[in-house]
PDB file of all heavy atoms in Angstrom:
ATOM      1  N   LEU A   1      82.712  81.808 101.803  1.00  0.00           N
ATOM      2  CA  LEU A   1      82.403  82.746 100.771  1.00  0.00           C
ATOM      3  C   LEU A   1      83.666  83.310 100.100  1.00  0.00           C
ATOM      4  O   LEU A   1      83.713  83.499  98.851  1.00  0.00           O
ATOM      5  CB  LEU A   1      81.590  83.880 101.449  1.00  0.00           C
ATOM      6  CG  LEU A   1      81.063  84.982 100.488  1.00  0.00           C
ATOM      7  CD1 LEU A   1      80.106  84.330  99.482  1.00  0.00           C
ATOM      8  CD2 LEU A   1      80.397  86.091 101.202  1.00  0.00           C
ATOM      9  N   VAL A   2      84.721  83.593 100.895  1.00  0.00           N
ATOM     10  CA  VAL A   2      85.903  84.079 100.320  1.00  0.00           C
ATOM     11  C   VAL A   2      86.506  83.095  99.336  1.00  0.00           C
ATOM     12  O   VAL A   2      87.094  83.433  98.277  1.00  0.00           O
ATOM     13  CB  VAL A   2      86.950  84.507 101.416  1.00  0.00           C
ATOM     14  CG1 VAL A   2      88.337  84.777 100.913  1.00  0.00           C
ATOM     15  CG2 VAL A   2      86.408  85.729 102.234  1.00  0.00           C
ATOM     16  N   THR A   3      86.538  81.815  99.741  1.00  0.00           N
ATOM     17  CA  THR A   3      87.042  80.781  98.877  1.00  0.00           C
ATOM     18  C   THR A   3      86.372  80.708  97.556  1.00  0.00           C
ATOM     19  O   THR A   3      86.989  80.670  96.477  1.00  0.00           O
ATOM     20  CB  THR A   3      86.954  79.406  99.512  1.00  0.00           C
ATOM     21  OG1 THR A   3      87.630  79.489 100.826  1.00  0.00           O
ATOM     22  CG2 THR A   3      87.568  78.343  98.730  1.00  0.00           C
ATOM     23  N   SER A   4      85.023  80.774  97.623  1.00  0.00           N
ATOM     24  CA  SER A   4      84.213  80.844  96.366  1.00  0.00           C
ATOM     25  C   SER A   4      84.478  82.071  95.543  1.00  0.00           C
ATOM     26  O   SER A   4      84.582  81.972  94.292  1.00  0.00           O
ATOM     27  CB  SER A   4      82.737  80.733  96.691  1.00  0.00           C
ATOM     28  OG  SER A   4      82.468  79.583  97.514  1.00  0.00           O
ATOM     29  N   LEU A   5      84.639  83.198  96.204  1.00  0.00           N
ATOM     30  CA  LEU A   5      84.955  84.493  95.508  1.00  0.00           C
ATOM     31  C   LEU A   5      86.291  84.406  94.797  1.00  0.00           C
ATOM     32  O   LEU A   5      86.370  84.868  93.693  1.00  0.00           O
ATOM     33  CB  LEU A   5      84.836  85.584  96.450  1.00  0.00           C
ATOM     34  CG  LEU A   5      85.111  87.013  95.925  1.00  0.00           C
ATOM     35  CD1 LEU A   5      84.140  87.369  94.907  1.00  0.00           C
ATOM     36  CD2 LEU A   5      85.202  88.063  97.027  1.00  0.00           C
ATOM     37  N   VAL A   6      87.244  83.785  95.479  1.00  0.00           N
ATOM     38  CA  VAL A   6      88.535  83.670  94.805  1.00  0.00           C
ATOM     39  C   VAL A   6      88.480  82.950  93.587  1.00  0.00           C
ATOM     40  O   VAL A   6      88.974  83.284  92.475  1.00  0.00           O
ATOM     41  CB  VAL A   6      89.549  83.051  95.848  1.00  0.00           C
ATOM     42  CG1 VAL A   6      90.852  82.615  95.082  1.00  0.00           C
ATOM     43  CG2 VAL A   6      89.924  83.975  96.974  1.00  0.00           C
ATOM     44  N   ALA A   7      87.808  81.770  93.525  1.00  0.00           N
ATOM     45  CA  ALA A   7      87.643  80.933  92.348  1.00  0.00           C
ATOM     46  C   ALA A   7      86.876  81.687  91.236  1.00  0.00           C
ATOM     47  O   ALA A   7      87.303  81.698  90.097  1.00  0.00           O
ATOM     48  CB  ALA A   7      86.909  79.574  92.678  1.00  0.00           C
ATOM     49  N   GLU A   8      85.793  82.360  91.573  1.00  0.00           N
ATOM     50  CA  GLU A   8      84.959  83.076  90.587  1.00  0.00           C
ATOM     51  C   GLU A   8      85.808  84.269  90.034  1.00  0.00           C
ATOM     52  O   GLU A   8      85.794  84.521  88.839  1.00  0.00           O
ATOM     53  CB  GLU A   8      83.705  83.595  91.181  1.00  0.00           C
ATOM     54  CG  GLU A   8      82.685  82.435  91.556  1.00  0.00           C
ATOM     55  CD  GLU A   8      81.939  81.937  90.369  1.00  0.00           C
ATOM     56  OE1 GLU A   8      81.982  82.649  89.320  1.00  0.00           O
ATOM     57  OE2 GLU A   8      81.381  80.784  90.431  1.00  0.00           O
ATOM     58  N   GLY A   9      86.495  85.032  90.928  1.00  0.00           N
ATOM     59  CA  GLY A   9      87.287  86.178  90.502  1.00  0.00           C
ATOM     60  C   GLY A   9      88.462  85.813  89.553  1.00  0.00           C
ATOM     61  O   GLY A   9      88.638  86.476  88.570  1.00  0.00           O
ATOM     62  N   VAL A  10      89.118  84.643  89.853  1.00  0.00           N
ATOM     63  CA  VAL A  10      90.165  84.242  88.987  1.00  0.00           C
ATOM     64  C   VAL A  10      89.582  83.820  87.612  1.00  0.00           C
ATOM     65  O   VAL A  10      90.194  84.097  86.609  1.00  0.00           O
ATOM     66  CB  VAL A  10      90.996  83.088  89.686  1.00  0.00           C
ATOM     67  CG1 VAL A  10      91.867  82.382  88.642  1.00  0.00           C
ATOM     68  CG2 VAL A  10      91.701  83.522  90.938  1.00  0.00           C
ATOM     69  N   ALA A  11      88.452  83.141  87.614  1.00  0.00           N
ATOM     70  CA  ALA A  11      87.868  82.700  86.353  1.00  0.00           C
ATOM     71  C   ALA A  11      87.444  83.910  85.498  1.00  0.00           C
ATOM     72  O   ALA A  11      87.748  83.974  84.239  1.00  0.00           O
ATOM     73  CB  ALA A  11      86.628  81.818  86.622  1.00  0.00           C
ATOM     74  N   LEU A  12      86.874  84.974  86.114  1.00  0.00           N
ATOM     75  CA  LEU A  12      86.523  86.142  85.359  1.00  0.00           C
ATOM     76  C   LEU A  12      87.750  86.821  84.822  1.00  0.00           C
ATOM     77  O   LEU A  12      87.731  87.355  83.683  1.00  0.00           O
ATOM     78  CB  LEU A  12      85.683  87.090  86.327  1.00  0.00           C
ATOM     79  CG  LEU A  12      85.262  88.394  85.670  1.00  0.00           C
ATOM     80  CD1 LEU A  12      84.319  88.193  84.524  1.00  0.00           C
ATOM     81  CD2 LEU A  12      84.609  89.263  86.725  1.00  0.00           C
ATOM     82  N   TYR A  13      88.760  86.974  85.607  1.00  0.00           N
ATOM     83  CA  TYR A  13      89.966  87.631  85.214  1.00  0.00           C
ATOM     84  C   TYR A  13      90.618  86.903  84.070  1.00  0.00           C
ATOM     85  O   TYR A  13      91.070  87.551  83.023  1.00  0.00           O
ATOM     86  CB  TYR A  13      90.956  87.676  86.385  1.00  0.00           C
ATOM     87  CG  TYR A  13      92.320  88.299  86.109  1.00  0.00           C
ATOM     88  CD1 TYR A  13      92.375  89.617  85.864  1.00  0.00           C
ATOM     89  CD2 TYR A  13      93.446  87.523  86.097  1.00  0.00           C
ATOM     90  CE1 TYR A  13      93.637  90.229  85.567  1.00  0.00           C
ATOM     91  CE2 TYR A  13      94.664  88.103  85.867  1.00  0.00           C
ATOM     92  CZ  TYR A  13      94.773  89.458  85.573  1.00  0.00           C
ATOM     93  OH  TYR A  13      95.978  89.980  85.379  1.00  0.00           O
ATOM     94  N   GLN A  14      90.623  85.581  84.080  1.00  0.00           N
ATOM     95  CA  GLN A  14      91.209  84.784  82.939  1.00  0.00           C
ATOM     96  C   GLN A  14      90.405  84.970  81.662  1.00  0.00           C
ATOM     97  O   GLN A  14      90.921  84.992  80.551  1.00  0.00           O
ATOM     98  CB  GLN A  14      91.362  83.371  83.402  1.00  0.00           C
ATOM     99  CG  GLN A  14      92.382  83.056  84.444  1.00  0.00           C
ATOM    100  CD  GLN A  14      92.378  81.662  84.932  1.00  0.00           C
ATOM    101  OE1 GLN A  14      91.484  80.944  84.712  1.00  0.00           O
ATOM    102  NE2 GLN A  14      93.426  81.290  85.683  1.00  0.00           N
ATOM    103  N   GLN A  15      89.032  84.982  81.813  1.00  0.00           N
ATOM    104  CA  GLN A  15      88.163  85.135  80.720  1.00  0.00           C
ATOM    105  C   GLN A  15      88.384  86.532  79.968  1.00  0.00           C
ATOM    106  O   GLN A  15      88.336  86.615  78.745  1.00  0.00           O
ATOM    107  CB  GLN A  15      86.728  84.989  81.039  1.00  0.00           C
ATOM    108  CG  GLN A  15      86.352  83.548  81.401  1.00  0.00           C
ATOM    109  CD  GLN A  15      84.921  83.455  81.871  1.00  0.00           C
ATOM    110  OE1 GLN A  15      84.303  84.422  82.302  1.00  0.00           O
ATOM    111  NE2 GLN A  15      84.293  82.251  81.810  1.00  0.00           N
ATOM    112  N   ILE A  16      88.631  87.531  80.830  1.00  0.00           N
ATOM    113  CA  ILE A  16      88.859  88.843  80.116  1.00  0.00           C
ATOM    114  C   ILE A  16      90.189  88.836  79.460  1.00  0.00           C
ATOM    115  O   ILE A  16      90.403  89.473  78.414  1.00  0.00           O
ATOM    116  CB  ILE A  16      88.717  89.955  81.288  1.00  0.00           C
ATOM    117  CG1 ILE A  16      87.348  90.085  81.755  1.00  0.00           C
ATOM    118  CG2 ILE A  16      89.340  91.306  80.761  1.00  0.00           C
ATOM    119  CD1 ILE A  16      87.144  91.017  82.900  1.00  0.00           C
ATOM    120  N   GLN A  17      91.229  88.243  80.105  1.00  0.00           N
ATOM    121  CA  GLN A  17      92.546  88.206  79.568  1.00  0.00           C
ATOM    122  C   GLN A  17      92.586  87.445  78.226  1.00  0.00           C
ATOM    123  O   GLN A  17      93.291  87.810  77.283  1.00  0.00           O
ATOM    124  CB  GLN A  17      93.531  87.603  80.531  1.00  0.00           C
ATOM    125  CG  GLN A  17      93.782  88.463  81.774  1.00  0.00           C
ATOM    126  CD  GLN A  17      94.592  89.745  81.483  1.00  0.00           C
ATOM    127  OE1 GLN A  17      93.991  90.778  81.286  1.00  0.00           O
ATOM    128  NE2 GLN A  17      95.882  89.652  81.351  1.00  0.00           N
ATOM    129  N   SER A  18      91.776  86.402  78.203  1.00  0.00           N
ATOM    130  CA  SER A  18      91.772  85.535  76.944  1.00  0.00           C
ATOM    131  C   SER A  18      90.865  86.100  75.893  1.00  0.00           C
ATOM    132  O   SER A  18      90.891  85.632  74.737  1.00  0.00           O
ATOM    133  CB  SER A  18      91.326  84.102  77.361  1.00  0.00           C
ATOM    134  OG  SER A  18      90.079  84.147  77.822  1.00  0.00           O
ATOM    135  N   GLY A  19      90.113  87.077  76.217  1.00  0.00           N
ATOM    136  CA  GLY A  19      89.177  87.744  75.199  1.00  0.00           C
ATOM    137  C   GLY A  19      87.844  87.010  75.142  1.00  0.00           C
ATOM    138  O   GLY A  19      87.026  87.339  74.278  1.00  0.00           O
ATOM    139  N   GLU A  20      87.480  86.064  76.036  1.00  0.00           N
ATOM    140  CA  GLU A  20      86.175  85.430  75.976  1.00  0.00           C
ATOM    141  C   GLU A  20      85.106  86.469  76.327  1.00  0.00           C
ATOM    142  O   GLU A  20      83.990  86.357  75.845  1.00  0.00           O
ATOM    143  CB  GLU A  20      86.201  84.264  76.959  1.00  0.00           C
ATOM    144  CG  GLU A  20      87.049  83.091  76.547  1.00  0.00           C
ATOM    145  CD  GLU A  20      86.989  82.022  77.522  1.00  0.00           C
ATOM    146  OE1 GLU A  20      85.794  81.646  77.947  1.00  0.00           O
ATOM    147  OE2 GLU A  20      87.972  81.399  77.984  1.00  0.00           O
ATOM    148  N   ILE A  21      85.417  87.349  77.251  1.00  0.00           N
ATOM    149  CA  ILE A  21      84.454  88.412  77.617  1.00  0.00           C
ATOM    150  C   ILE A  21      84.967  89.728  77.051  1.00  0.00           C
ATOM    151  O   ILE A  21      86.079  90.176  77.320  1.00  0.00           O
ATOM    152  CB  ILE A  21      84.358  88.515  79.184  1.00  0.00           C
ATOM    153  CG1 ILE A  21      83.849  87.160  79.745  1.00  0.00           C
ATOM    154  CG2 ILE A  21      83.493  89.712  79.585  1.00  0.00           C
ATOM    155  CD1 ILE A  21      83.694  87.214  81.276  1.00  0.00           C
ATOM    156  N   ARG A  22      84.064  90.359  76.248  1.00  0.00           N
ATOM    157  CA  ARG A  22      84.438  91.643  75.555  1.00  0.00           C
ATOM    158  C   ARG A  22      83.343  92.661  75.923  1.00  0.00           C
ATOM    159  O   ARG A  22      82.272  92.736  75.361  1.00  0.00           O
ATOM    160  CB  ARG A  22      84.447  91.440  74.041  1.00  0.00           C
ATOM    161  CG  ARG A  22      85.567  90.431  73.574  1.00  0.00           C
ATOM    162  CD  ARG A  22      85.512  90.378  72.087  1.00  0.00           C
ATOM    163  NE  ARG A  22      86.523  89.461  71.632  1.00  0.00           N
ATOM    164  CZ  ARG A  22      86.346  88.118  71.347  1.00  0.00           C
ATOM    165  NH1 ARG A  22      85.147  87.666  71.629  1.00  0.00           N
ATOM    166  NH2 ARG A  22      87.338  87.356  70.971  1.00  0.00           N
ATOM    167  N   PRO A  23      83.654  93.449  76.928  1.00  0.00           N
ATOM    168  CA  PRO A  23      82.647  94.480  77.344  1.00  0.00           C
ATOM    169  C   PRO A  23      82.190  95.386  76.359  1.00  0.00           C
ATOM    170  O   PRO A  23      81.026  95.853  76.298  1.00  0.00           O
ATOM    171  CB  PRO A  23      83.367  95.202  78.527  1.00  0.00           C
ATOM    172  CG  PRO A  23      84.480  94.269  79.001  1.00  0.00           C
ATOM    173  CD  PRO A  23      84.876  93.548  77.776  1.00  0.00           C
ATOM    174  N   GLY A  24      83.165  95.752  75.375  1.00  0.00           N
ATOM    175  CA  GLY A  24      82.757  96.693  74.316  1.00  0.00           C
ATOM    176  C   GLY A  24      81.676  96.191  73.474  1.00  0.00           C
ATOM    177  O   GLY A  24      80.763  96.948  73.018  1.00  0.00           O
ATOM    178  N   GLU A  25      81.714  94.873  73.180  1.00  0.00           N
ATOM    179  CA  GLU A  25      80.599  94.290  72.337  1.00  0.00           C
ATOM    180  C   GLU A  25      79.284  94.393  73.046  1.00  0.00           C
ATOM    181  O   GLU A  25      78.206  94.613  72.436  1.00  0.00           O
ATOM    182  CB  GLU A  25      80.939  92.884  72.027  1.00  0.00           C
ATOM    183  CG  GLU A  25      82.174  92.724  71.126  1.00  0.00           C
ATOM    184  CD  GLU A  25      82.478  91.269  70.743  1.00  0.00           C
ATOM    185  OE1 GLU A  25      81.619  90.401  71.207  1.00  0.00           O
ATOM    186  OE2 GLU A  25      83.435  90.971  70.021  1.00  0.00           O
ATOM    187  N   TYR A  26      79.241  94.193  74.347  1.00  0.00           N
ATOM    188  CA  TYR A  26      78.010  94.262  75.064  1.00  0.00           C
ATOM    189  C   TYR A  26      77.394  95.648  75.001  1.00  0.00           C
ATOM    190  O   TYR A  26      76.225  95.829  74.784  1.00  0.00           O
ATOM    191  CB  TYR A  26      78.220  93.944  76.548  1.00  0.00           C
ATOM    192  CG  TYR A  26      78.802  92.504  76.781  1.00  0.00           C
ATOM    193  CD1 TYR A  26      79.609  92.231  77.857  1.00  0.00           C
ATOM    194  CD2 TYR A  26      78.542  91.387  75.847  1.00  0.00           C
ATOM    195  CE1 TYR A  26      80.169  90.962  78.061  1.00  0.00           C
ATOM    196  CE2 TYR A  26      79.086  90.209  76.044  1.00  0.00           C
ATOM    197  CZ  TYR A  26      79.876  89.924  77.190  1.00  0.00           C
ATOM    198  OH  TYR A  26      80.370  88.695  77.300  1.00  0.00           O
ATOM    199  N   ILE A  27      78.242  96.710  75.135  1.00  0.00           N
ATOM    200  CA  ILE A  27      77.768  98.065  75.082  1.00  0.00           C
ATOM    201  C   ILE A  27      77.267  98.340  73.616  1.00  0.00           C
ATOM    202  O   ILE A  27      76.334  99.028  73.462  1.00  0.00           O
ATOM    203  CB  ILE A  27      78.938  99.015  75.460  1.00  0.00           C
ATOM    204  CG1 ILE A  27      79.305  98.814  76.926  1.00  0.00           C
ATOM    205  CG2 ILE A  27      78.479 100.490  75.252  1.00  0.00           C
ATOM    206  CD1 ILE A  27      80.441  99.608  77.445  1.00  0.00           C
ATOM    207  N   ASP A  28      77.972  97.834  72.619  1.00  0.00           N
ATOM    208  CA  ASP A  28      77.576  98.070  71.239  1.00  0.00           C
ATOM    209  C   ASP A  28      76.185  97.416  70.937  1.00  0.00           C
ATOM    210  O   ASP A  28      75.401  98.037  70.248  1.00  0.00           O
ATOM    211  CB  ASP A  28      78.563  97.531  70.292  1.00  0.00           C
ATOM    212  CG  ASP A  28      79.931  98.280  70.270  1.00  0.00           C
ATOM    213  OD1 ASP A  28      79.904  99.490  70.684  1.00  0.00           O
ATOM    214  OD2 ASP A  28      80.963  97.766  69.935  1.00  0.00           O
TER     215      ASP A  28
END
């Protein structure tokens, strides 16, 4: 589970850094 979490967490972090995920747009 920790191994899978590391992979998913890194992917989410990279998507936020690159701008693929924009939380502000979701709230709008």
